[in-house]
Amino acid sequence: MDLKDTVIGNNVYSSRLLLPFTHGVNAHALEFAVLLARSRHATLVPVSLIYVPPTARGARLEHIQQSKDFQTLVQTKAIKHNVTIEAQEVCTGNVIESIQRTMQELNCSGIILFVCDGDGVLLSTNEVKHVLTLVPGQHHVIRLQRNTPRLSLSPFKRIARLLPGHRKEQVLSGTSFS
């Protein structure tokens, strides 16, 4: 039995959570994943899956750079929250197969997936769907809320208070958004 395993009754639970990534670094999602791992006293396994088509000579530079950015940000957040990570980087022609193989090889108990407004986050929407249907194991699907920018007049109100002889009506009627 590995030191990362937890024994509860006669059952052994692996305390590794897989966090797959193919594109689109999202700091909010990574923070959430690290905090989830911490709350479960688990090791987080961030795996960068760099897609390399079978006919290509190698991976595209931008995919490699995104992978490095992803791993660096996960490591920074893990250090901040005192979470153990086991970073992996895999060049693959089949992302779903590589996720399944990594889950098995590292004995991960679950996989963390993110969606926002029906779209995949860290993985494409199609990849999230395939993981949910084809990769066995516990799936932690986290729905993120989109940050919708709202028009706020509060900065204008604060500026108006600094002006000599301000009047609220002057600032609101004098503000044009055209």
C-alpha atoms as a PDB file:
ATOM      1  CA  MET A   1       0.000   0.000   0.000  1.00  0.00           C
ATOM      2  CA  ASP A   2       1.260   3.435  -0.964  1.00  0.00           C
ATOM      3  CA  LEU A   3       1.778   6.134   1.692  1.00  0.00           C
ATOM      4  CA  LYS A   4      -0.756   8.300  -0.143  1.00  0.00           C
ATOM      5  CA  ASP A   5      -3.508   5.707   0.436  1.00  0.00           C
ATOM      6  CA  THR A   6      -6.012   5.998   3.247  1.00  0.00           C
ATOM      7  CA  VAL A   7      -7.519   2.983   4.985  1.00  0.00           C
ATOM      8  CA  ILE A   8     -11.125   3.335   6.109  1.00  0.00           C
ATOM      9  CA  GLY A   9     -12.533   0.114   7.481  1.00  0.00           C
ATOM     10  CA  ASN A  10     -11.338  -2.584   5.107  1.00  0.00           C
ATOM     11  CA  ASN A  11     -11.401  -0.284   2.091  1.00  0.00           C
ATOM     12  CA  VAL A  12      -8.361   1.428   0.671  1.00  0.00           C
ATOM     13  CA  TYR A  13      -8.922   4.801  -0.974  1.00  0.00           C
ATOM     14  CA  SER A  14      -6.327   6.404  -3.155  1.00  0.00           C
ATOM     15  CA  SER A  15      -5.920  10.027  -2.334  1.00  0.00           C
ATOM     16  CA  ARG A  16      -4.886  11.266  -5.769  1.00  0.00           C
ATOM     17  CA  LEU A  17      -7.067  13.522  -7.882  1.00  0.00           C
ATOM     18  CA  LEU A  18      -6.336  13.897 -11.581  1.00  0.00           C
ATOM     19  CA  LEU A  19      -6.589  17.363 -13.121  1.00  0.00           C
ATOM     20  CA  PRO A  20      -6.331  17.038 -16.929  1.00  0.00           C
ATOM     21  CA  PHE A  21      -5.460  19.980 -19.152  1.00  0.00           C
ATOM     22  CA  THR A  22      -5.302  20.484 -22.908  1.00  0.00           C
ATOM     23  CA  HIS A  23      -5.840  24.234 -23.356  1.00  0.00           C
ATOM     24  CA  GLY A  24      -7.055  27.473 -21.802  1.00  0.00           C
ATOM     25  CA  VAL A  25      -5.334  28.148 -18.475  1.00  0.00           C
ATOM     26  CA  ASN A  26      -7.987  29.311 -15.987  1.00  0.00           C
ATOM     27  CA  ALA A  27      -6.620  30.567 -12.657  1.00  0.00           C
ATOM     28  CA  HIS A  28     -10.004  30.345 -10.901  1.00  0.00           C
ATOM     29  CA  ALA A  29     -10.423  26.685 -11.887  1.00  0.00           C
ATOM     30  CA  LEU A  30      -6.886  25.854 -10.771  1.00  0.00           C
ATOM     31  CA  GLU A  31      -7.413  27.529  -7.399  1.00  0.00           C
ATOM     32  CA  PHE A  32     -10.622  25.535  -6.965  1.00  0.00           C
ATOM     33  CA  ALA A  33      -8.867  22.255  -7.876  1.00  0.00           C
ATOM     34  CA  VAL A  34      -6.051  22.888  -5.392  1.00  0.00           C
ATOM     35  CA  LEU A  35      -8.539  23.727  -2.629  1.00  0.00           C
ATOM     36  CA  LEU A  36     -10.569  20.593  -3.427  1.00  0.00           C
ATOM     37  CA  ALA A  37      -7.433  18.464  -3.139  1.00  0.00           C
ATOM     38  CA  ARG A  38      -6.548  20.166   0.140  1.00  0.00           C
ATOM     39  CA  SER A  39     -10.017  19.599   1.580  1.00  0.00           C
ATOM     40  CA  ARG A  40      -9.743  15.889   0.737  1.00  0.00           C
ATOM     41  CA  HIS A  41      -6.133  15.605   1.957  1.00  0.00           C
ATOM     42  CA  ALA A  42      -5.301  14.402  -1.547  1.00  0.00           C
ATOM     43  CA  THR A  43      -2.373  14.731  -3.873  1.00  0.00           C
ATOM     44  CA  LEU A  44      -3.290  16.705  -6.965  1.00  0.00           C
ATOM     45  CA  VAL A  45      -2.055  15.244 -10.252  1.00  0.00           C
ATOM     46  CA  PRO A  46      -2.092  18.009 -12.858  1.00  0.00           C
ATOM     47  CA  VAL A  47      -1.528  16.361 -16.222  1.00  0.00           C
ATOM     48  CA  SER A  48      -0.826  18.424 -19.315  1.00  0.00           C
ATOM     49  CA  LEU A  49      -1.923  16.553 -22.398  1.00  0.00           C
ATOM     50  CA  ILE A  50      -0.147  17.950 -25.433  1.00  0.00           C
ATOM     51  CA  TYR A  51      -1.893  16.782 -28.582  1.00  0.00           C
ATOM     52  CA  VAL A  52       0.458  15.639 -31.323  1.00  0.00           C
ATOM     53  CA  PRO A  53      -1.269  14.435 -34.495  1.00  0.00           C
ATOM     54  CA  PRO A  54       0.104  11.119 -35.799  1.00  0.00           C
ATOM     55  CA  THR A  55       1.381  12.793 -38.981  1.00  0.00           C
ATOM     56  CA  ALA A  56       3.116  15.681 -37.189  1.00  0.00           C
ATOM     57  CA  ARG A  57       6.824  15.806 -36.409  1.00  0.00           C
ATOM     58  CA  GLY A  58       6.196  17.172 -32.932  1.00  0.00           C
ATOM     59  CA  ALA A  59       4.036  19.310 -30.710  1.00  0.00           C
ATOM     60  CA  ARG A  60       3.172  22.901 -31.547  1.00  0.00           C
ATOM     61  CA  LEU A  61       5.149  25.476 -29.607  1.00  0.00           C
ATOM     62  CA  GLU A  62       2.032  27.258 -28.278  1.00  0.00           C
ATOM     63  CA  HIS A  63       0.707  23.976 -26.831  1.00  0.00           C
ATOM     64  CA  ILE A  64       3.997  23.380 -25.055  1.00  0.00           C
ATOM     65  CA  GLN A  65       3.975  26.946 -23.694  1.00  0.00           C
ATOM     66  CA  GLN A  66       0.391  26.601 -22.426  1.00  0.00           C
ATOM     67  CA  SER A  67       1.383  23.357 -20.723  1.00  0.00           C
ATOM     68  CA  LYS A  68       4.287  25.087 -18.968  1.00  0.00           C
ATOM     69  CA  ASP A  69       2.026  27.992 -17.922  1.00  0.00           C
ATOM     70  CA  PHE A  70      -0.561  25.535 -16.571  1.00  0.00           C
ATOM     71  CA  GLN A  71       2.018  23.553 -14.574  1.00  0.00           C
ATOM     72  CA  THR A  72       3.651  26.704 -13.188  1.00  0.00           C
ATOM     73  CA  LEU A  73       0.344  28.171 -12.038  1.00  0.00           C
ATOM     74  CA  VAL A  74      -0.783  24.892 -10.439  1.00  0.00           C
ATOM     75  CA  GLN A  75       2.547  24.628  -8.621  1.00  0.00           C
ATOM     76  CA  THR A  76       2.279  28.219  -7.364  1.00  0.00           C
ATOM     77  CA  LYS A  77      -1.247  27.651  -6.030  1.00  0.00           C
ATOM     78  CA  ALA A  78      -0.294  24.300  -4.510  1.00  0.00           C
ATOM     79  CA  ILE A  79       2.622  25.859  -2.629  1.00  0.00           C
ATOM     80  CA  LYS A  80       0.352  28.670  -1.425  1.00  0.00           C
ATOM     81  CA  HIS A  81      -2.176  26.170  -0.029  1.00  0.00           C
ATOM     82  CA  ASN A  82       0.340  23.505   1.044  1.00  0.00           C
ATOM     83  CA  VAL A  83      -0.957  20.829  -1.347  1.00  0.00           C
ATOM     84  CA  THR A  84       1.208  18.038  -2.728  1.00  0.00           C
ATOM     85  CA  ILE A  85       1.259  17.716  -6.496  1.00  0.00           C
ATOM     86  CA  GLU A  86       2.602  15.124  -8.913  1.00  0.00           C
ATOM     87  CA  ALA A  87       2.869  17.015 -12.189  1.00  0.00           C
ATOM     88  CA  GLN A  88       2.745  15.066 -15.443  1.00  0.00           C
ATOM     89  CA  GLU A  89       3.205  16.098 -19.060  1.00  0.00           C
ATOM     90  CA  VAL A  90       2.117  13.725 -21.812  1.00  0.00           C
ATOM     91  CA  CYS A  91       2.475  14.113 -25.559  1.00  0.00           C
ATOM     92  CA  THR A  92      -0.325  12.123 -27.130  1.00  0.00           C
ATOM     93  CA  GLY A  93      -2.311  11.435 -30.247  1.00  0.00           C
ATOM     94  CA  ASN A  94      -5.324  10.316 -28.168  1.00  0.00           C
ATOM     95  CA  VAL A  95      -6.181  12.601 -25.236  1.00  0.00           C
ATOM     96  CA  ILE A  96      -8.992  10.466 -23.750  1.00  0.00           C
ATOM     97  CA  GLU A  97      -6.947   7.266 -23.861  1.00  0.00           C
ATOM     98  CA  SER A  98      -4.039   9.067 -22.175  1.00  0.00           C
ATOM     99  CA  ILE A  99      -6.317  10.384 -19.415  1.00  0.00           C
ATOM    100  CA  GLN A 100      -7.638   6.882 -18.782  1.00  0.00           C
ATOM    101  CA  ARG A 101      -4.138   5.364 -18.774  1.00  0.00           C
ATOM    102  CA  THR A 102      -2.814   8.052 -16.400  1.00  0.00           C
ATOM    103  CA  MET A 103      -5.772   7.474 -14.046  1.00  0.00           C
ATOM    104  CA  GLN A 104      -4.954   3.758 -13.911  1.00  0.00           C
ATOM    105  CA  GLU A 105      -1.155   4.024 -13.738  1.00  0.00           C
ATOM    106  CA  LEU A 106      -1.199   6.588 -10.921  1.00  0.00           C
ATOM    107  CA  ASN A 107      -4.121   4.951  -9.122  1.00  0.00           C
ATOM    108  CA  CYS A 108      -6.173   8.156  -9.044  1.00  0.00           C
ATOM    109  CA  SER A 109      -9.476   7.930  -7.214  1.00  0.00           C
ATOM    110  CA  GLY A 110     -11.105  10.705  -9.179  1.00  0.00           C
ATOM    111  CA  ILE A 111     -10.838  13.227 -11.927  1.00  0.00           C
ATOM    112  CA  ILE A 112     -11.620  16.937 -11.646  1.00  0.00           C
ATOM    113  CA  LEU A 113     -13.476  18.482 -14.587  1.00  0.00           C
ATOM    114  CA  PHE A 114     -14.620  22.069 -15.050  1.00  0.00           C
ATOM    115  CA  VAL A 115     -17.413  23.519 -17.159  1.00  0.00           C
ATOM    116  CA  CYS A 116     -18.764  27.028 -17.586  1.00  0.00           C
ATOM    117  CA  ASP A 117     -22.035  27.738 -19.388  1.00  0.00           C
ATOM    118  CA  GLY A 118     -21.939  24.271 -20.941  1.00  0.00           C
ATOM    119  CA  ASP A 119     -18.385  24.666 -22.257  1.00  0.00           C
ATOM    120  CA  GLY A 120     -15.355  22.748 -21.089  1.00  0.00           C
ATOM    121  CA  VAL A 121     -12.708  24.583 -19.067  1.00  0.00           C
ATOM    122  CA  LEU A 122      -9.093  23.295 -19.178  1.00  0.00           C
ATOM    123  CA  LEU A 123     -10.398  20.656 -21.629  1.00  0.00           C
ATOM    124  CA  SER A 124     -12.524  21.155 -24.719  1.00  0.00           C
ATOM    125  CA  THR A 125     -16.264  20.546 -24.344  1.00  0.00           C
ATOM    126  CA  ASN A 126     -15.950  17.416 -26.459  1.00  0.00           C
ATOM    127  CA  GLU A 127     -13.104  16.102 -24.284  1.00  0.00           C
ATOM    128  CA  VAL A 128     -15.144  16.667 -21.103  1.00  0.00           C
ATOM    129  CA  LYS A 129     -18.070  14.730 -22.616  1.00  0.00           C
ATOM    130  CA  HIS A 130     -15.807  11.860 -23.640  1.00  0.00           C
ATOM    131  CA  VAL A 131     -14.140  11.696 -20.221  1.00  0.00           C
ATOM    132  CA  LEU A 132     -17.546  11.541 -18.533  1.00  0.00           C
ATOM    133  CA  THR A 133     -18.738   8.739 -20.787  1.00  0.00           C
ATOM    134  CA  LEU A 134     -15.553   6.744 -21.445  1.00  0.00           C
ATOM    135  CA  VAL A 135     -13.243   7.118 -18.443  1.00  0.00           C
ATOM    136  CA  PRO A 136     -14.325   5.096 -15.411  1.00  0.00           C
ATOM    137  CA  GLY A 137     -13.916   6.475 -11.914  1.00  0.00           C
ATOM    138  CA  GLN A 138     -15.277   9.239  -9.783  1.00  0.00           C
ATOM    139  CA  HIS A 139     -15.855  12.492 -11.666  1.00  0.00           C
ATOM    140  CA  HIS A 140     -15.837  15.793  -9.804  1.00  0.00           C
ATOM    141  CA  VAL A 141     -17.606  18.149 -12.213  1.00  0.00           C
ATOM    142  CA  ILE A 142     -17.377  21.753 -11.079  1.00  0.00           C
ATOM    143  CA  ARG A 143     -19.560  24.350 -12.748  1.00  0.00           C
ATOM    144  CA  LEU A 144     -17.876  27.732 -12.806  1.00  0.00           C
ATOM    145  CA  GLN A 145     -19.860  30.903 -13.196  1.00  0.00           C
ATOM    146  CA  ARG A 146     -18.905  33.263 -15.961  1.00  0.00           C
ATOM    147  CA  ASN A 147     -17.817  36.677 -14.759  1.00  0.00           C
ATOM    148  CA  THR A 148     -20.135  38.973 -16.625  1.00  0.00           C
ATOM    149  CA  PRO A 149     -18.888  42.538 -16.678  1.00  0.00           C
ATOM    150  CA  ARG A 150     -21.587  44.951 -15.576  1.00  0.00           C
ATOM    151  CA  LEU A 151     -21.712  48.632 -16.230  1.00  0.00           C
ATOM    152  CA  SER A 152     -21.184  50.360 -12.920  1.00  0.00           C
ATOM    153  CA  LEU A 153     -21.458  54.055 -12.234  1.00  0.00           C
ATOM    154  CA  SER A 154     -19.742  53.779  -8.850  1.00  0.00           C
ATOM    155  CA  PRO A 155     -16.298  54.894 -10.173  1.00  0.00           C
ATOM    156  CA  PHE A 156     -17.959  57.980 -11.647  1.00  0.00           C
ATOM    157  CA  LYS A 157     -19.688  58.697  -8.351  1.00  0.00           C
ATOM    158  CA  ARG A 158     -16.383  58.466  -6.476  1.00  0.00           C
ATOM    159  CA  ILE A 159     -14.698  60.822  -8.932  1.00  0.00           C
ATOM    160  CA  ALA A 160     -17.617  63.244  -8.690  1.00  0.00           C
ATOM    161  CA  ARG A 161     -17.214  63.443  -4.908  1.00  0.00           C
ATOM    162  CA  LEU A 162     -13.665  64.653  -5.416  1.00  0.00           C
ATOM    163  CA  LEU A 163     -14.741  67.519  -7.656  1.00  0.00           C
ATOM    164  CA  PRO A 164     -15.441  70.866  -5.997  1.00  0.00           C
ATOM    165  CA  GLY A 165     -19.158  71.629  -5.625  1.00  0.00           C
ATOM    166  CA  HIS A 166     -20.217  68.214  -6.909  1.00  0.00           C
ATOM    167  CA  ARG A 167     -23.801  67.284  -7.433  1.00  0.00           C
ATOM    168  CA  LYS A 168     -24.866  63.708  -8.110  1.00  0.00           C
ATOM    169  CA  GLU A 169     -27.296  64.804 -10.864  1.00  0.00           C
ATOM    170  CA  GLN A 170     -24.539  66.572 -12.772  1.00  0.00           C
ATOM    171  CA  VAL A 171     -22.332  63.504 -12.907  1.00  0.00           C
ATOM    172  CA  LEU A 172     -25.088  61.078 -13.904  1.00  0.00           C
ATOM    173  CA  SER A 173     -26.589  63.345 -16.555  1.00  0.00           C
ATOM    174  CA  GLY A 174     -23.173  64.448 -17.771  1.00  0.00           C
ATOM    175  CA  THR A 175     -21.926  60.894 -18.284  1.00  0.00           C
ATOM    176  CA  SER A 176     -22.293  59.682 -21.839  1.00  0.00           C
ATOM    177  CA  PHE A 177     -21.634  56.090 -22.941  1.00  0.00           C
ATOM    178  CA  SER A 178     -21.998  56.664 -26.666  1.00  0.00           C
END
